[in-house]
Amino acid sequence: KRQRSERPQPNGISQSASKKQRLSHPSGSQPPAAFWDNLSKIWLTKRALREQDRRNPQV
């Protein structure tokens, strides 16, 4: 395999810093309910469990 060489960018930013960052929801907030409704498969994650608890409150 070829090894990547770090070439300096013209504006001085390294290649890893110039990559697009993943957007996330503000801390403590959840994606809207429509997000969960439109998924074809819901993986068992902490956020998915939180949404399940939100939709099915304990009595």
PDB file of N, CA and C in Angstrom:
ATOM      1  N   LYS A   1       0.828  -1.178   0.000  1.00  0.00           N
ATOM      2  CA  LYS A   1       0.000   0.000   0.000  1.00  0.00           C
ATOM      3  C   LYS A   1       0.874   1.243   0.000  1.00  0.00           C
ATOM      4  N   ARG A   2       0.356   2.262  -0.644  1.00  0.00           N
ATOM      5  CA  ARG A   2       1.083   3.526  -0.656  1.00  0.00           C
ATOM      6  C   ARG A   2       0.864   4.264   0.658  1.00  0.00           C
ATOM      7  N   GLN A   3       1.878   4.923   1.086  1.00  0.00           N
ATOM      8  CA  GLN A   3       1.738   5.740   2.286  1.00  0.00           C
ATOM      9  C   GLN A   3       1.437   7.163   1.871  1.00  0.00           C
ATOM     10  N   ARG A   4       0.527   7.777   2.586  1.00  0.00           N
ATOM     11  CA  ARG A   4       0.167   9.157   2.285  1.00  0.00           C
ATOM     12  C   ARG A   4       1.231  10.107   2.806  1.00  0.00           C
ATOM     13  N   SER A   5       1.515  11.078   2.014  1.00  0.00           N
ATOM     14  CA  SER A   5       2.433  12.113   2.489  1.00  0.00           C
ATOM     15  C   SER A   5       1.608  13.351   2.797  1.00  0.00           C
ATOM     16  N   GLU A   6       1.859  13.958   3.926  1.00  0.00           N
ATOM     17  CA  GLU A   6       1.143  15.169   4.331  1.00  0.00           C
ATOM     18  C   GLU A   6       1.688  16.344   3.540  1.00  0.00           C
ATOM     19  N   ARG A   7       0.872  16.848   2.617  1.00  0.00           N
ATOM     20  CA  ARG A   7       1.271  18.026   1.864  1.00  0.00           C
ATOM     21  C   ARG A   7       0.616  19.234   2.506  1.00  0.00           C
ATOM     22  N   PRO A   8       1.360  20.272   2.767  1.00  0.00           N
ATOM     23  CA  PRO A   8       0.752  21.460   3.371  1.00  0.00           C
ATOM     24  C   PRO A   8      -0.227  22.122   2.408  1.00  0.00           C
ATOM     25  N   GLN A   9      -1.340  22.550   2.931  1.00  0.00           N
ATOM     26  CA  GLN A   9      -2.347  23.265   2.148  1.00  0.00           C
ATOM     27  C   GLN A   9      -1.861  24.695   1.927  1.00  0.00           C
ATOM     28  N   PRO A  10      -2.334  25.335   0.869  1.00  0.00           N
ATOM     29  CA  PRO A  10      -1.889  26.716   0.605  1.00  0.00           C
ATOM     30  C   PRO A  10      -2.209  27.673   1.751  1.00  0.00           C
ATOM     31  N   ASN A  11      -3.308  27.449   2.458  1.00  0.00           N
ATOM     32  CA  ASN A  11      -3.666  28.367   3.540  1.00  0.00           C
ATOM     33  C   ASN A  11      -3.106  27.916   4.887  1.00  0.00           C
ATOM     34  N   GLY A  12      -2.293  26.851   4.898  1.00  0.00           N
ATOM     35  CA  GLY A  12      -1.625  26.430   6.127  1.00  0.00           C
ATOM     36  C   GLY A  12      -2.418  25.449   6.974  1.00  0.00           C
ATOM     37  N   ILE A  13      -3.605  25.034   6.534  1.00  0.00           N
ATOM     38  CA  ILE A  13      -4.413  24.089   7.306  1.00  0.00           C
ATOM     39  C   ILE A  13      -4.027  22.680   6.878  1.00  0.00           C
ATOM     40  N   SER A  14      -3.840  21.792   7.832  1.00  0.00           N
ATOM     41  CA  SER A  14      -3.489  20.420   7.490  1.00  0.00           C
ATOM     42  C   SER A  14      -4.689  19.721   6.876  1.00  0.00           C
ATOM     43  N   GLN A  15      -4.430  18.612   6.182  1.00  0.00           N
ATOM     44  CA  GLN A  15      -5.491  17.898   5.483  1.00  0.00           C
ATOM     45  C   GLN A  15      -6.557  17.388   6.445  1.00  0.00           C
ATOM     46  N   SER A  16      -6.175  16.880   7.607  1.00  0.00           N
ATOM     47  CA  SER A  16      -7.146  16.337   8.552  1.00  0.00           C
ATOM     48  C   SER A  16      -8.025  17.435   9.149  1.00  0.00           C
ATOM     49  N   ALA A  17      -7.493  18.625   9.303  1.00  0.00           N
ATOM     50  CA  ALA A  17      -8.277  19.726   9.866  1.00  0.00           C
ATOM     51  C   ALA A  17      -9.257  20.290   8.857  1.00  0.00           C
ATOM     52  N   SER A  18      -8.972  20.107   7.564  1.00  0.00           N
ATOM     53  CA  SER A  18      -9.846  20.673   6.548  1.00  0.00           C
ATOM     54  C   SER A  18     -10.997  19.748   6.179  1.00  0.00           C
ATOM     55  N   LYS A  19     -11.016  18.518   6.707  1.00  0.00           N
ATOM     56  CA  LYS A  19     -12.101  17.595   6.410  1.00  0.00           C
ATOM     57  C   LYS A  19     -13.403  18.093   7.019  1.00  0.00           C
ATOM     58  N   LYS A  20     -14.494  17.763   6.365  1.00  0.00           N
ATOM     59  CA  LYS A  20     -15.805  18.197   6.844  1.00  0.00           C
ATOM     60  C   LYS A  20     -16.139  17.458   8.132  1.00  0.00           C
ATOM     61  N   GLN A  21     -16.536  18.191   9.134  1.00  0.00           N
ATOM     62  CA  GLN A  21     -16.871  17.606  10.425  1.00  0.00           C
ATOM     63  C   GLN A  21     -18.295  17.090  10.389  1.00  0.00           C
ATOM     64  N   ARG A  22     -18.569  16.039  11.132  1.00  0.00           N
ATOM     65  CA  ARG A  22     -19.901  15.481  11.211  1.00  0.00           C
ATOM     66  C   ARG A  22     -20.779  16.398  12.053  1.00  0.00           C
ATOM     67  N   LEU A  23     -21.938  16.749  11.521  1.00  0.00           N
ATOM     68  CA  LEU A  23     -22.853  17.612  12.254  1.00  0.00           C
ATOM     69  C   LEU A  23     -23.583  16.800  13.305  1.00  0.00           C
ATOM     70  N   SER A  24     -23.761  17.372  14.449  1.00  0.00           N
ATOM     71  CA  SER A  24     -24.489  16.686  15.507  1.00  0.00           C
ATOM     72  C   SER A  24     -25.513  17.637  16.095  1.00  0.00           C
ATOM     73  N   HIS A  25     -26.454  17.057  16.789  1.00  0.00           N
ATOM     74  CA  HIS A  25     -27.478  17.854  17.440  1.00  0.00           C
ATOM     75  C   HIS A  25     -26.871  18.474  18.696  1.00  0.00           C
ATOM     76  N   PRO A  26     -27.400  19.608  19.130  1.00  0.00           N
ATOM     77  CA  PRO A  26     -26.878  20.211  20.356  1.00  0.00           C
ATOM     78  C   PRO A  26     -26.938  19.220  21.515  1.00  0.00           C
ATOM     79  N   SER A  27     -26.018  19.338  22.430  1.00  0.00           N
ATOM     80  CA  SER A  27     -25.952  18.372  23.523  1.00  0.00           C
ATOM     81  C   SER A  27     -27.261  18.313  24.292  1.00  0.00           C
ATOM     82  N   GLY A  28     -27.690  17.111  24.569  1.00  0.00           N
ATOM     83  CA  GLY A  28     -28.914  16.923  25.317  1.00  0.00           C
ATOM     84  C   GLY A  28     -30.157  16.860  24.458  1.00  0.00           C
ATOM     85  N   SER A  29     -30.058  17.204  23.180  1.00  0.00           N
ATOM     86  CA  SER A  29     -31.251  17.164  22.341  1.00  0.00           C
ATOM     87  C   SER A  29     -31.259  15.890  21.510  1.00  0.00           C
ATOM     88  N   GLN A  30     -32.419  15.550  21.033  1.00  0.00           N
ATOM     89  CA  GLN A  30     -32.600  14.354  20.223  1.00  0.00           C
ATOM     90  C   GLN A  30     -33.001  14.754  18.819  1.00  0.00           C
ATOM     91  N   PRO A  31     -32.767  13.889  17.841  1.00  0.00           N
ATOM     92  CA  PRO A  31     -33.289  14.165  16.509  1.00  0.00           C
ATOM     93  C   PRO A  31     -34.813  14.180  16.551  1.00  0.00           C
ATOM     94  N   PRO A  32     -35.458  14.840  15.619  1.00  0.00           N
ATOM     95  CA  PRO A  32     -36.923  14.873  15.627  1.00  0.00           C
ATOM     96  C   PRO A  32     -37.508  13.477  15.451  1.00  0.00           C
ATOM     97  N   ALA A  33     -38.755  13.315  15.868  1.00  0.00           N
ATOM     98  CA  ALA A  33     -39.418  12.004  15.802  1.00  0.00           C
ATOM     99  C   ALA A  33     -39.466  11.481  14.375  1.00  0.00           C
ATOM    100  N   ALA A  34     -39.609  12.374  13.390  1.00  0.00           N
ATOM    101  CA  ALA A  34     -39.667  11.955  11.987  1.00  0.00           C
ATOM    102  C   ALA A  34     -38.378  11.243  11.572  1.00  0.00           C
ATOM    103  N   PHE A  35     -37.260  11.614  12.167  1.00  0.00           N
ATOM    104  CA  PHE A  35     -35.989  10.947  11.875  1.00  0.00           C
ATOM    105  C   PHE A  35     -36.094   9.464  12.184  1.00  0.00           C
ATOM    106  N   TRP A  36     -36.624   9.134  13.359  1.00  0.00           N
ATOM    107  CA  TRP A  36     -36.745   7.736  13.770  1.00  0.00           C
ATOM    108  C   TRP A  36     -37.814   7.009  12.955  1.00  0.00           C
ATOM    109  N   ASP A  37     -38.889   7.717  12.597  1.00  0.00           N
ATOM    110  CA  ASP A  37     -39.982   7.106  11.846  1.00  0.00           C
ATOM    111  C   ASP A  37     -39.564   6.720  10.435  1.00  0.00           C
ATOM    112  N   ASN A  38     -38.613   7.442   9.852  1.00  0.00           N
ATOM    113  CA  ASN A  38     -38.221   7.204   8.465  1.00  0.00           C
ATOM    114  C   ASN A  38     -37.080   6.203   8.307  1.00  0.00           C
ATOM    115  N   LEU A  39     -36.545   5.690   9.396  1.00  0.00           N
ATOM    116  CA  LEU A  39     -35.466   4.709   9.296  1.00  0.00           C
ATOM    117  C   LEU A  39     -36.028   3.341   8.933  1.00  0.00           C
ATOM    118  N   SER A  40     -35.344   2.624   8.033  1.00  0.00           N
ATOM    119  CA  SER A  40     -35.794   1.283   7.671  1.00  0.00           C
ATOM    120  C   SER A  40     -35.368   0.267   8.729  1.00  0.00           C
ATOM    121  N   LYS A  41     -34.264   0.550   9.412  1.00  0.00           N
ATOM    122  CA  LYS A  41     -33.775  -0.338  10.464  1.00  0.00           C
ATOM    123  C   LYS A  41     -33.249   0.539  11.586  1.00  0.00           C
ATOM    124  N   ILE A  42     -33.620   0.234  12.806  1.00  0.00           N
ATOM    125  CA  ILE A  42     -33.150   1.020  13.952  1.00  0.00           C
ATOM    126  C   ILE A  42     -32.200   0.154  14.758  1.00  0.00           C
ATOM    127  N   TRP A  43     -30.953   0.561  14.820  1.00  0.00           N
ATOM    128  CA  TRP A  43     -29.945  -0.162  15.585  1.00  0.00           C
ATOM    129  C   TRP A  43     -30.122   0.132  17.068  1.00  0.00           C
ATOM    130  N   LEU A  44     -29.752  -0.798  17.882  1.00  0.00           N
ATOM    131  CA  LEU A  44     -29.894  -0.677  19.323  1.00  0.00           C
ATOM    132  C   LEU A  44     -28.752   0.191  19.865  1.00  0.00           C
ATOM    133  N   THR A  45     -29.006   1.483  19.934  1.00  0.00           N
ATOM    134  CA  THR A  45     -28.017   2.441  20.429  1.00  0.00           C
ATOM    135  C   THR A  45     -28.600   3.180  21.624  1.00  0.00           C
ATOM    136  N   LYS A  46     -27.758   3.922  22.316  1.00  0.00           N
ATOM    137  CA  LYS A  46     -28.238   4.691  23.467  1.00  0.00           C
ATOM    138  C   LYS A  46     -29.304   5.690  23.048  1.00  0.00           C
ATOM    139  N   ARG A  47     -29.098   6.349  21.913  1.00  0.00           N
ATOM    140  CA  ARG A  47     -30.078   7.337  21.441  1.00  0.00           C
ATOM    141  C   ARG A  47     -31.394   6.675  21.065  1.00  0.00           C
ATOM    142  N   ALA A  48     -31.319   5.498  20.437  1.00  0.00           N
ATOM    143  CA  ALA A  48     -32.549   4.790  20.065  1.00  0.00           C
ATOM    144  C   ALA A  48     -33.308   4.350  21.314  1.00  0.00           C
ATOM    145  N   LEU A  49     -32.596   3.904  22.330  1.00  0.00           N
ATOM    146  CA  LEU A  49     -33.251   3.509  23.581  1.00  0.00           C
ATOM    147  C   LEU A  49     -33.872   4.711  24.279  1.00  0.00           C
ATOM    148  N   ARG A  50     -33.190   5.856  24.223  1.00  0.00           N
ATOM    149  CA  ARG A  50     -33.737   7.081  24.802  1.00  0.00           C
ATOM    150  C   ARG A  50     -35.042   7.472  24.103  1.00  0.00           C
ATOM    151  N   GLU A  51     -35.059   7.335  22.781  1.00  0.00           N
ATOM    152  CA  GLU A  51     -36.266   7.657  22.017  1.00  0.00           C
ATOM    153  C   GLU A  51     -37.385   6.678  22.369  1.00  0.00           C
ATOM    154  N   GLN A  52     -37.046   5.411  22.529  1.00  0.00           N
ATOM    155  CA  GLN A  52     -38.042   4.408  22.929  1.00  0.00           C
ATOM    156  C   GLN A  52     -38.617   4.742  24.303  1.00  0.00           C
ATOM    157  N   ASP A  53     -37.767   5.136  25.222  1.00  0.00           N
ATOM    158  CA  ASP A  53     -38.246   5.521  26.564  1.00  0.00           C
ATOM    159  C   ASP A  53     -39.111   6.770  26.495  1.00  0.00           C
ATOM    160  N   ARG A  54     -38.767   7.694  25.616  1.00  0.00           N
ATOM    161  CA  ARG A  54     -39.559   8.915  25.475  1.00  0.00           C
ATOM    162  C   ARG A  54     -40.961   8.601  24.939  1.00  0.00           C
ATOM    163  N   ARG A  55     -41.021   7.669  23.983  1.00  0.00           N
ATOM    164  CA  ARG A  55     -42.307   7.322  23.378  1.00  0.00           C
ATOM    165  C   ARG A  55     -43.162   6.438  24.273  1.00  0.00           C
ATOM    166  N   ASN A  56     -42.542   5.643  25.138  1.00  0.00           N
ATOM    167  CA  ASN A  56     -43.263   4.720  26.008  1.00  0.00           C
ATOM    168  C   ASN A  56     -42.950   5.032  27.473  1.00  0.00           C
ATOM    169  N   PRO A  57     -43.515   6.087  27.993  1.00  0.00           N
ATOM    170  CA  PRO A  57     -43.205   6.427  29.396  1.00  0.00           C
ATOM    171  C   PRO A  57     -43.752   5.372  30.357  1.00  0.00           C
ATOM    172  N   GLN A  58     -43.036   5.195  31.457  1.00  0.00           N
ATOM    173  CA  GLN A  58     -43.482   4.238  32.473  1.00  0.00           C
ATOM    174  C   GLN A  58     -44.648   4.838  33.242  1.00  0.00           C
ATOM    175  N   VAL A  59     -45.560   3.968  33.646  1.00  0.00           N
ATOM    176  CA  VAL A  59     -46.766   4.425  34.369  1.00  0.00           C
ATOM    177  C   VAL A  59     -46.518   4.394  35.850  1.00  0.00           C
TER     178      VAL A  59
END
